[in-house]
Amino acid sequence: GLASARVLALRHPALSFGILEKEKELASHQTGHNSGVIHSGIYYKPGTLKAKLCVQGAALCYEYCDRKGIPYKQCGKLIVAAEQEELPRLKALYERGLQNDVPGLRLIGSKEIQMKEPYCRGLLAIDSPYTGIVNYTQVSLSYAEDFQDAGGNVVTDFEVKHIEMVNESAVGSIEGMKYPVVIRNSKGEEVRCRYVVTCAGLHSDRLSELSGCSPEPRIVPFRGDYLLLKPEKCYLVKGNIYPVPDPRFPFLGVHFTPRMDGSVWLGPNAVLAFKREGYRAYDFSFRDMVDAVINSGLLKLVFRNFSYGMSEMYKACFLSAQLKQLQRFIPEITVSDILRGPSGVRAQALDSDGNLVDDFVFDGGVGAIGSRILHVRNAPSPAATSSLSIAEMIADEVEQRFDL
């Protein structure tokens, strides 16, 4: 949302733009709780928007951070095959990365793995030197600063509850015709405008329904719990270390992620969150659970991935279960070396058949208001890495839809 507003304000200096933010501070949810990885674009199917936007977005992210003086580390990533059966999948992934034009990729053997990561064990690995880490909250706040410098206005603590056409527009009022869309918040305050773009993350489906859109795809929240390496053990990890993803399952598996503050995150798992903004295991919202269980295809997804889901829940409860996954790569880690760490919640779009929606979804709504709104209903991972390239695409869509 911030990246898109920034691009639009820079492209159209004669227009007035405002950002309405639900929280009192920006970047409070997905942006402020993610892993901080600048992904290089290895995983995504060649020719797809995800692959193209990630590779472009990573380059733009590094360039932006250099220009703004935002610190980052291009610490690289190893995707490590620890078992013989993983080797064909690793080599296929390597070929995919080459097709996506990911820079610097190469396959390395066990000796070179240990040259890069002295405590890591593996048979073969993809070395991705272009992968990096950054603090995305800092990046987001810089986007907001650019937006304000371009004349944009940021309004926080504004939780949108209604979006509708104002009555005055129906009777031809000059003010109503000029600003025919009214947005009201939970306090009864309102903002009037000509056009609206929503980038609402965990609430993107609900905001879309305010203008008459279909409930699908429904957002289902998945919580990822991280462990932390104790500070005195952070020497065990230099860069990102990832497992070879299993295509049968929807998530990447536990991995080692160094952070800008010098800490090392381990994980995450992937479990259903009982609240859209539920960062603790006991956070619960009745409405969010009804939406997830009854109004989406979640049960179909669960039945198809039952053993995986039970395994993730078991790992969420018992440190020893996650530890076994980590010891496949760094055997030296013991249970006394790890602590429970932070959590994040991912806004996963799901259709009624229980399929994960893996592409961008745009919508407007019905009636006159539908021609004045662009809902970005799904911007799939790695959206933080790709934010600047996604923003260009969204700005193009806005210009076309609204004839700016």
Protein backbone atom coordinates (compact mmCIF):
# COMPACT_ATOMS: atom_id res chain seq x y z
CA GLY A 1 0.00 0.00 0.00
CA LEU A 2 2.71 2.50 0.96
CA ALA A 3 4.82 1.64 -2.08
CA SER A 4 1.84 2.06 -4.42
CA ALA A 5 0.80 5.39 -2.88
CA ARG A 6 4.39 6.60 -3.22
CA VAL A 7 4.55 5.73 -6.93
CA LEU A 8 1.18 7.33 -7.68
CA ALA A 9 2.09 10.55 -5.85
CA LEU A 10 5.41 10.76 -7.69
CA ARG A 11 3.79 10.09 -11.07
CA HIS A 12 0.93 12.57 -10.57
CA PRO A 13 2.15 15.64 -8.65
CA ALA A 14 -0.95 17.64 -9.66
CA LEU A 15 -3.30 15.25 -7.83
CA SER A 16 -3.98 15.02 -4.09
CA PHE A 17 -3.42 11.67 -2.36
CA GLY A 18 -4.13 10.41 1.13
CA ILE A 19 -3.38 7.17 2.98
CA LEU A 20 -5.85 5.88 5.56
CA GLU A 21 -4.20 3.52 8.06
CA LYS A 22 -6.19 1.48 10.58
CA GLU A 23 -3.46 1.42 13.23
CA LYS A 24 -1.83 4.28 15.11
CA GLU A 25 1.47 3.44 13.42
CA LEU A 26 2.40 2.25 9.93
CA ALA A 27 3.69 -1.26 9.14
CA SER A 28 2.19 -2.80 12.30
CA HIS A 29 1.15 -6.18 10.93
CA GLN A 30 2.54 -8.31 8.09
CA THR A 31 5.28 -5.81 7.22
CA GLY A 32 6.44 -5.49 10.81
CA HIS A 33 6.35 -9.22 11.52
CA ASN A 34 7.99 -10.80 8.47
CA SER A 35 11.37 -12.49 8.18
CA GLY A 36 13.13 -9.49 6.62
CA VAL A 37 14.51 -11.52 3.70
CA ILE A 38 15.11 -9.91 0.30
CA HIS A 39 14.25 -12.91 -1.87
CA SER A 40 16.04 -13.47 -5.16
CA GLY A 41 13.19 -15.19 -7.11
CA ILE A 42 14.29 -18.84 -7.24
CA TYR A 43 11.07 -20.58 -6.24
CA TYR A 44 8.50 -19.18 -8.63
CA LYS A 45 7.26 -20.74 -11.85
CA PRO A 46 9.11 -19.22 -14.84
CA GLY A 47 7.07 -16.70 -16.80
CA THR A 48 4.71 -15.88 -13.93
CA LEU A 49 4.15 -12.43 -12.48
CA LYS A 50 5.54 -13.63 -9.14
CA ALA A 51 8.84 -14.63 -10.72
CA LYS A 52 9.17 -11.48 -12.82
CA LEU A 53 8.16 -9.07 -10.04
CA CYS A 54 10.40 -10.72 -7.44
CA VAL A 55 13.56 -10.54 -9.55
CA GLN A 56 12.76 -6.95 -10.55
CA GLY A 57 11.67 -6.06 -7.01
CA ALA A 58 14.87 -7.34 -5.39
CA ALA A 59 16.98 -5.21 -7.73
CA LEU A 60 14.79 -2.16 -7.05
CA CYS A 61 14.92 -2.82 -3.29
CA TYR A 62 18.73 -2.85 -3.22
CA GLU A 63 18.86 0.25 -5.41
CA TYR A 64 16.34 2.07 -3.20
CA CYS A 65 18.17 1.17 0.02
CA ASP A 66 21.47 2.39 -1.47
CA ARG A 67 19.87 5.67 -2.51
CA LYS A 68 18.19 6.24 0.85
CA GLY A 69 21.04 4.99 3.03
CA ILE A 70 18.92 2.17 4.51
CA PRO A 71 21.20 -0.57 5.86
CA TYR A 72 20.93 -4.09 4.46
CA LYS A 73 23.15 -7.15 4.21
CA GLN A 74 23.55 -9.20 1.05
CA CYS A 75 24.41 -12.24 3.16
CA GLY A 76 23.26 -14.82 0.59
CA LYS A 77 21.28 -18.01 0.96
CA LEU A 78 21.96 -21.72 0.72
CA ILE A 79 19.12 -24.09 -0.19
CA VAL A 80 20.51 -27.34 1.15
CA ALA A 81 19.72 -30.95 0.23
CA ALA A 82 20.41 -33.07 3.31
CA GLU A 83 19.09 -36.37 1.86
CA GLN A 84 19.67 -38.18 -1.44
CA GLU A 85 15.96 -38.09 -2.27
CA GLU A 86 16.04 -34.27 -2.24
CA LEU A 87 18.71 -33.97 -4.95
CA PRO A 88 16.39 -34.15 -8.00
CA ARG A 89 14.12 -31.47 -6.49
CA LEU A 90 17.12 -29.25 -5.71
CA LYS A 91 18.45 -29.52 -9.27
CA ALA A 92 15.00 -28.75 -10.70
CA LEU A 93 14.81 -25.71 -8.44
CA TYR A 94 18.24 -24.59 -9.65
CA GLU A 95 17.05 -24.80 -13.27
CA ARG A 96 13.97 -22.80 -12.37
CA GLY A 97 16.13 -20.09 -10.82
CA LEU A 98 18.25 -19.90 -13.96
CA GLN A 99 15.10 -19.55 -16.11
CA ASN A 100 13.99 -16.70 -13.84
CA ASP A 101 17.31 -14.90 -14.45
CA VAL A 102 18.24 -14.91 -10.78
CA PRO A 103 21.80 -13.55 -10.68
CA GLY A 104 24.79 -15.50 -9.40
CA LEU A 105 23.20 -18.91 -8.83
CA ARG A 106 25.40 -22.00 -8.67
CA LEU A 107 25.33 -25.54 -7.29
CA ILE A 108 27.93 -26.30 -4.63
CA GLY A 109 28.98 -29.54 -2.91
CA SER A 110 29.44 -30.42 0.74
CA LYS A 111 32.94 -28.95 1.07
CA GLU A 112 31.90 -25.59 -0.38
CA ILE A 113 28.79 -25.60 1.79
CA GLN A 114 31.06 -25.73 4.83
CA MET A 115 33.30 -23.02 3.44
CA LYS A 116 30.26 -20.73 3.36
CA GLU A 117 28.50 -22.10 6.45
CA PRO A 118 31.10 -23.90 8.63
CA TYR A 119 28.47 -25.59 10.84
CA CYS A 120 26.05 -26.59 8.07
CA ARG A 121 25.92 -30.17 6.75
CA GLY A 122 24.50 -31.08 3.35
CA LEU A 123 25.09 -33.10 0.18
CA LEU A 124 24.45 -30.34 -2.35
CA ALA A 125 23.17 -26.78 -2.19
CA ILE A 126 22.03 -23.88 -4.35
CA ASP A 127 24.17 -20.87 -3.52
CA SER A 128 22.16 -17.66 -4.01
CA PRO A 129 24.53 -14.77 -3.22
CA TYR A 130 21.94 -12.18 -4.26
CA THR A 131 19.58 -12.97 -1.34
CA GLY A 132 19.75 -10.42 1.45
CA ILE A 133 18.13 -9.12 4.62
CA VAL A 134 16.69 -5.73 5.55
CA ASN A 135 14.34 -4.16 8.09
CA TYR A 136 11.12 -3.78 6.09
CA THR A 137 9.55 -1.51 8.69
CA GLN A 138 12.35 0.96 8.02
CA VAL A 139 11.84 0.58 4.26
CA SER A 140 8.07 1.16 4.65
CA LEU A 141 8.52 4.27 6.74
CA SER A 142 10.87 5.60 4.06
CA TYR A 143 8.14 4.98 1.44
CA ALA A 144 5.74 6.98 3.63
CA GLU A 145 8.27 9.80 3.93
CA ASP A 146 8.65 9.91 0.13
CA PHE A 147 4.86 9.99 -0.20
CA GLN A 148 4.55 12.90 2.22
CA ASP A 149 7.43 14.76 0.56
CA ALA A 150 5.49 14.45 -2.71
CA GLY A 151 2.50 16.15 -1.04
CA GLY A 152 0.64 13.06 0.20
CA ASN A 153 -1.20 13.02 3.51
CA VAL A 154 -1.06 10.07 5.95
CA VAL A 155 -3.98 9.64 8.37
CA THR A 156 -3.48 6.99 11.08
CA ASP A 157 -5.99 5.48 13.54
CA PHE A 158 -8.64 5.46 10.78
CA GLU A 159 -10.37 2.07 10.64
CA VAL A 160 -12.56 2.01 7.54
CA LYS A 161 -16.09 0.70 8.12
CA HIS A 162 -18.05 2.05 5.13
CA ILE A 163 -17.28 2.99 1.53
CA GLU A 164 -20.18 4.42 -0.50
CA MET A 165 -21.24 7.03 -3.01
CA VAL A 166 -22.41 10.23 -1.34
CA ASN A 167 -26.05 11.19 -1.69
CA GLU A 168 -25.18 14.65 -3.00
CA SER A 169 -23.77 13.17 -6.20
CA ALA A 170 -27.22 11.86 -7.09
CA VAL A 171 -28.72 15.35 -7.06
CA GLY A 172 -25.85 17.03 -8.86
CA SER A 173 -24.14 18.93 -6.05
CA ILE A 174 -20.84 20.40 -7.24
CA GLU A 175 -19.00 19.04 -4.19
CA GLY A 176 -20.70 15.66 -4.54
CA MET A 177 -19.80 15.37 -8.19
CA LYS A 178 -16.18 16.33 -7.52
CA TYR A 179 -15.71 13.93 -4.58
CA PRO A 180 -18.43 11.30 -4.99
CA VAL A 181 -16.92 8.59 -2.76
CA VAL A 182 -17.25 8.81 1.01
CA ILE A 183 -15.16 6.67 3.37
CA ARG A 184 -16.26 6.48 7.02
CA ASN A 185 -14.37 5.07 9.95
CA SER A 186 -15.47 3.37 13.16
CA LYS A 187 -15.68 6.79 14.91
CA GLY A 188 -18.05 8.27 12.34
CA GLU A 189 -15.37 10.48 10.75
CA GLU A 190 -15.35 10.66 6.97
CA VAL A 191 -13.08 11.38 4.02
CA ARG A 192 -14.38 12.25 0.56
CA CYS A 193 -12.48 11.50 -2.61
CA ARG A 194 -12.72 10.68 -6.29
CA TYR A 195 -11.09 7.25 -6.33
CA VAL A 196 -10.03 4.59 -3.83
CA VAL A 197 -7.30 1.94 -3.87
CA THR A 198 -7.35 -0.62 -1.05
CA CYS A 199 -4.31 -2.67 -0.01
CA ALA A 200 -5.67 -4.10 3.22
CA GLY A 201 -3.66 -7.30 3.74
CA LEU A 202 -5.32 -9.39 6.44
CA HIS A 203 -8.63 -7.55 5.89
CA SER A 204 -8.58 -7.26 2.10
CA ASP A 205 -11.63 -9.49 1.59
CA ARG A 206 -13.76 -7.58 4.11
CA LEU A 207 -12.85 -4.20 2.68
CA SER A 208 -13.66 -5.48 -0.81
CA GLU A 209 -17.12 -6.59 0.29
CA LEU A 210 -17.93 -3.00 1.34
CA SER A 211 -18.30 -2.12 -2.35
CA GLY A 212 -20.26 -5.26 -3.25
CA CYS A 213 -17.43 -7.58 -4.25
CA SER A 214 -17.67 -11.35 -3.94
CA PRO A 215 -16.48 -12.75 -0.59
CA GLU A 216 -14.00 -14.88 -2.52
CA PRO A 217 -11.15 -15.26 -2.25
CA ARG A 218 -11.47 -15.33 1.54
CA ILE A 219 -8.47 -14.43 3.68
CA VAL A 220 -7.42 -17.20 6.08
CA PRO A 221 -4.72 -16.24 8.59
CA PHE A 222 -1.76 -18.59 9.12
CA ARG A 223 0.55 -17.90 12.03
CA GLY A 224 4.25 -18.61 11.78
CA ASP A 225 6.08 -19.02 15.10
CA TYR A 226 9.82 -18.45 15.17
CA LEU A 227 12.47 -19.68 17.56
CA LEU A 228 15.57 -17.66 18.41
CA LEU A 229 19.15 -18.77 18.67
CA LYS A 230 20.60 -17.57 21.97
CA PRO A 231 22.96 -14.62 21.34
CA GLU A 232 26.05 -16.60 22.28
CA LYS A 233 25.15 -19.21 19.61
CA CYS A 234 24.50 -16.87 16.67
CA TYR A 235 28.01 -17.59 15.35
CA LEU A 236 26.59 -20.90 14.07
CA VAL A 237 24.78 -19.13 11.20
CA LYS A 238 26.25 -16.62 8.71
CA GLY A 239 23.57 -16.35 5.99
CA ASN A 240 20.12 -17.72 5.19
CA ILE A 241 19.92 -21.54 5.23
CA TYR A 242 16.77 -23.08 3.73
CA PRO A 243 15.60 -26.67 3.17
CA VAL A 244 14.58 -27.99 -0.24
CA PRO A 245 10.82 -27.26 -0.42
CA ASP A 246 8.47 -30.21 -0.72
CA PRO A 247 5.96 -29.49 -3.52
CA ARG A 248 3.30 -31.55 -1.72
CA PHE A 249 3.02 -28.88 0.96
CA PRO A 250 2.18 -25.17 0.68
CA PHE A 251 4.97 -23.67 2.82
CA LEU A 252 8.78 -23.64 2.61
CA GLY A 253 9.62 -25.41 5.88
CA VAL A 254 11.81 -24.29 8.78
CA HIS A 255 14.92 -22.29 7.96
CA PHE A 256 17.67 -20.17 9.49
CA THR A 257 17.29 -16.41 9.04
CA PRO A 258 19.88 -13.87 10.25
CA ARG A 259 18.45 -10.48 11.15
CA MET A 260 19.75 -6.94 10.85
CA ASP A 261 20.04 -6.66 14.64
CA GLY A 262 22.42 -9.65 14.75
CA SER A 263 19.87 -12.16 16.01
CA VAL A 264 19.03 -15.40 14.18
CA TRP A 265 15.43 -16.54 13.70
CA LEU A 266 14.66 -20.25 13.29
CA GLY A 267 11.46 -21.39 11.61
CA PRO A 268 8.69 -20.63 11.06
CA ASN A 269 6.09 -23.33 11.40
CA ALA A 270 2.68 -22.72 9.78
CA VAL A 271 -0.49 -23.13 11.84
CA LEU A 272 -3.99 -21.73 11.55
CA ALA A 273 -4.28 -18.49 13.51
CA PHE A 274 -7.53 -18.16 15.46
CA LYS A 275 -7.50 -14.40 14.90
CA ARG A 276 -6.44 -12.38 11.86
CA GLU A 277 -4.10 -10.28 13.98
CA GLY A 278 -3.42 -13.07 16.48
CA TYR A 279 0.29 -13.23 17.19
CA ARG A 280 -0.09 -15.41 20.30
CA ALA A 281 -1.34 -19.00 20.39
CA TYR A 282 -4.30 -18.08 22.62
CA ASP A 283 -5.48 -15.04 20.60
CA PHE A 284 -9.03 -15.76 19.43
CA SER A 285 -11.74 -14.02 17.40
CA PHE A 286 -15.10 -15.74 16.90
CA ARG A 287 -15.78 -13.78 13.69
CA ASP A 288 -12.37 -14.61 12.22
CA MET A 289 -12.80 -18.31 13.01
CA VAL A 290 -16.27 -18.44 11.43
CA ASP A 291 -14.91 -16.78 8.30
CA ALA A 292 -12.00 -19.22 8.14
CA VAL A 293 -13.79 -22.48 8.95
CA ILE A 294 -17.29 -21.98 7.54
CA ASN A 295 -17.01 -19.34 4.85
CA SER A 296 -13.85 -20.50 3.09
CA GLY A 297 -12.42 -23.70 1.62
CA LEU A 298 -10.24 -24.22 4.70
CA LEU A 299 -11.70 -27.63 5.63
CA LYS A 300 -10.94 -28.95 2.14
CA LEU A 301 -7.36 -27.67 2.45
CA VAL A 302 -7.04 -29.30 5.88
CA PHE A 303 -8.26 -32.68 4.67
CA ARG A 304 -5.85 -32.62 1.74
CA ASN A 305 -2.90 -31.73 3.99
CA PHE A 306 -3.98 -33.41 7.23
CA SER A 307 -0.68 -35.07 8.14
CA TYR A 308 1.28 -31.91 7.34
CA GLY A 309 -1.09 -29.79 9.43
CA MET A 310 -0.87 -32.13 12.41
CA SER A 311 2.92 -32.12 12.13
CA GLU A 312 2.98 -28.29 12.16
CA MET A 313 0.71 -28.19 15.22
CA TYR A 314 2.94 -30.72 17.00
CA LYS A 315 6.02 -28.63 16.21
CA ALA A 316 4.24 -25.53 17.52
CA CYS A 317 3.78 -27.25 20.89
CA PHE A 318 7.11 -29.04 21.29
CA LEU A 319 10.50 -27.41 20.78
CA SER A 320 12.15 -30.79 20.33
CA ALA A 321 10.12 -31.42 17.14
CA GLN A 322 11.35 -28.21 15.51
CA LEU A 323 14.84 -28.89 16.80
CA LYS A 324 15.01 -32.17 14.85
CA GLN A 325 14.30 -30.28 11.63
CA LEU A 326 17.04 -27.75 12.42
CA GLN A 327 19.59 -30.43 13.37
CA ARG A 328 19.35 -31.90 9.87
CA PHE A 329 21.43 -28.91 8.79
CA ILE A 330 23.29 -27.81 11.92
CA PRO A 331 23.71 -30.85 14.22
CA GLU A 332 25.47 -28.77 16.91
CA ILE A 333 22.26 -26.97 17.91
CA THR A 334 20.75 -28.30 21.15
CA VAL A 335 17.48 -27.51 22.92
CA SER A 336 19.39 -25.33 25.40
CA ASP A 337 20.54 -23.11 22.50
CA ILE A 338 17.06 -21.97 21.46
CA LEU A 339 14.28 -19.78 22.83
CA ARG A 340 10.72 -19.13 21.72
CA GLY A 341 10.65 -16.02 19.57
CA PRO A 342 8.25 -13.73 17.71
CA SER A 343 5.35 -14.70 15.45
CA GLY A 344 3.87 -13.34 12.25
CA VAL A 345 0.49 -13.83 10.58
CA ARG A 346 0.28 -14.36 6.84
CA ALA A 347 -2.83 -13.28 4.91
CA GLN A 348 -3.42 -16.38 2.79
CA ALA A 349 -6.12 -16.01 0.13
CA LEU A 350 -8.16 -19.20 -0.24
CA ASP A 351 -10.90 -20.11 -2.72
CA SER A 352 -14.00 -22.16 -1.92
CA ASP A 353 -12.34 -25.36 -3.19
CA GLY A 354 -9.54 -25.03 -0.64
CA ASN A 355 -6.91 -23.92 -3.14
CA LEU A 356 -4.29 -21.38 -2.11
CA VAL A 357 -4.65 -18.36 -4.40
CA ASP A 358 -1.13 -17.83 -5.65
CA ASP A 359 -1.59 -14.90 -7.99
CA PHE A 360 -2.65 -11.26 -7.85
CA VAL A 361 -6.38 -10.57 -7.54
CA PHE A 362 -7.86 -7.16 -8.43
CA ASP A 363 -11.53 -6.22 -7.98
CA GLY A 364 -13.76 -3.17 -7.94
CA GLY A 365 -17.29 -3.97 -6.92
CA VAL A 366 -20.79 -3.46 -8.29
CA GLY A 367 -22.72 -0.39 -9.35
CA ALA A 368 -21.39 3.13 -9.80
CA ILE A 369 -18.92 2.80 -6.94
CA GLY A 370 -17.26 -0.21 -8.59
CA SER A 371 -15.77 2.01 -11.30
CA ARG A 372 -14.13 4.21 -8.68
CA ILE A 373 -12.40 1.55 -6.55
CA LEU A 374 -9.48 -0.79 -7.09
CA HIS A 375 -9.18 -3.50 -4.44
CA VAL A 376 -5.82 -5.29 -4.32
CA ARG A 377 -7.26 -8.47 -2.82
CA ASN A 378 -4.15 -10.61 -3.01
CA ALA A 379 -0.50 -9.67 -3.35
CA PRO A 380 1.21 -13.00 -2.69
CA SER A 381 4.55 -13.57 -0.99
CA PRO A 382 7.24 -12.31 -1.51
CA ALA A 383 5.30 -9.03 -1.59
CA ALA A 384 7.76 -7.15 0.65
CA THR A 385 10.71 -7.95 -1.64
CA SER A 386 8.59 -7.13 -4.70
CA SER A 387 6.90 -4.04 -3.25
CA LEU A 388 8.43 -1.50 -5.63
CA SER A 389 7.78 -3.60 -8.75
CA ILE A 390 4.25 -4.49 -7.54
CA ALA A 391 3.65 -0.78 -6.92
CA GLU A 392 4.49 0.05 -10.53
CA MET A 393 2.01 -2.60 -11.70
CA ILE A 394 -0.71 -1.33 -9.35
CA ALA A 395 -0.10 2.27 -10.45
CA ASP A 396 -0.46 1.19 -14.10
CA GLU A 397 -3.75 -0.53 -13.22
CA VAL A 398 -4.98 2.57 -11.35
CA GLU A 399 -4.16 4.86 -14.28
CA GLN A 400 -5.95 2.57 -16.71
CA ARG A 401 -9.07 1.99 -14.57
CA PHE A 402 -9.50 5.61 -13.49
CA ASP A 403 -8.20 7.21 -16.69
CA LEU A 404 -5.78 9.40 -14.76
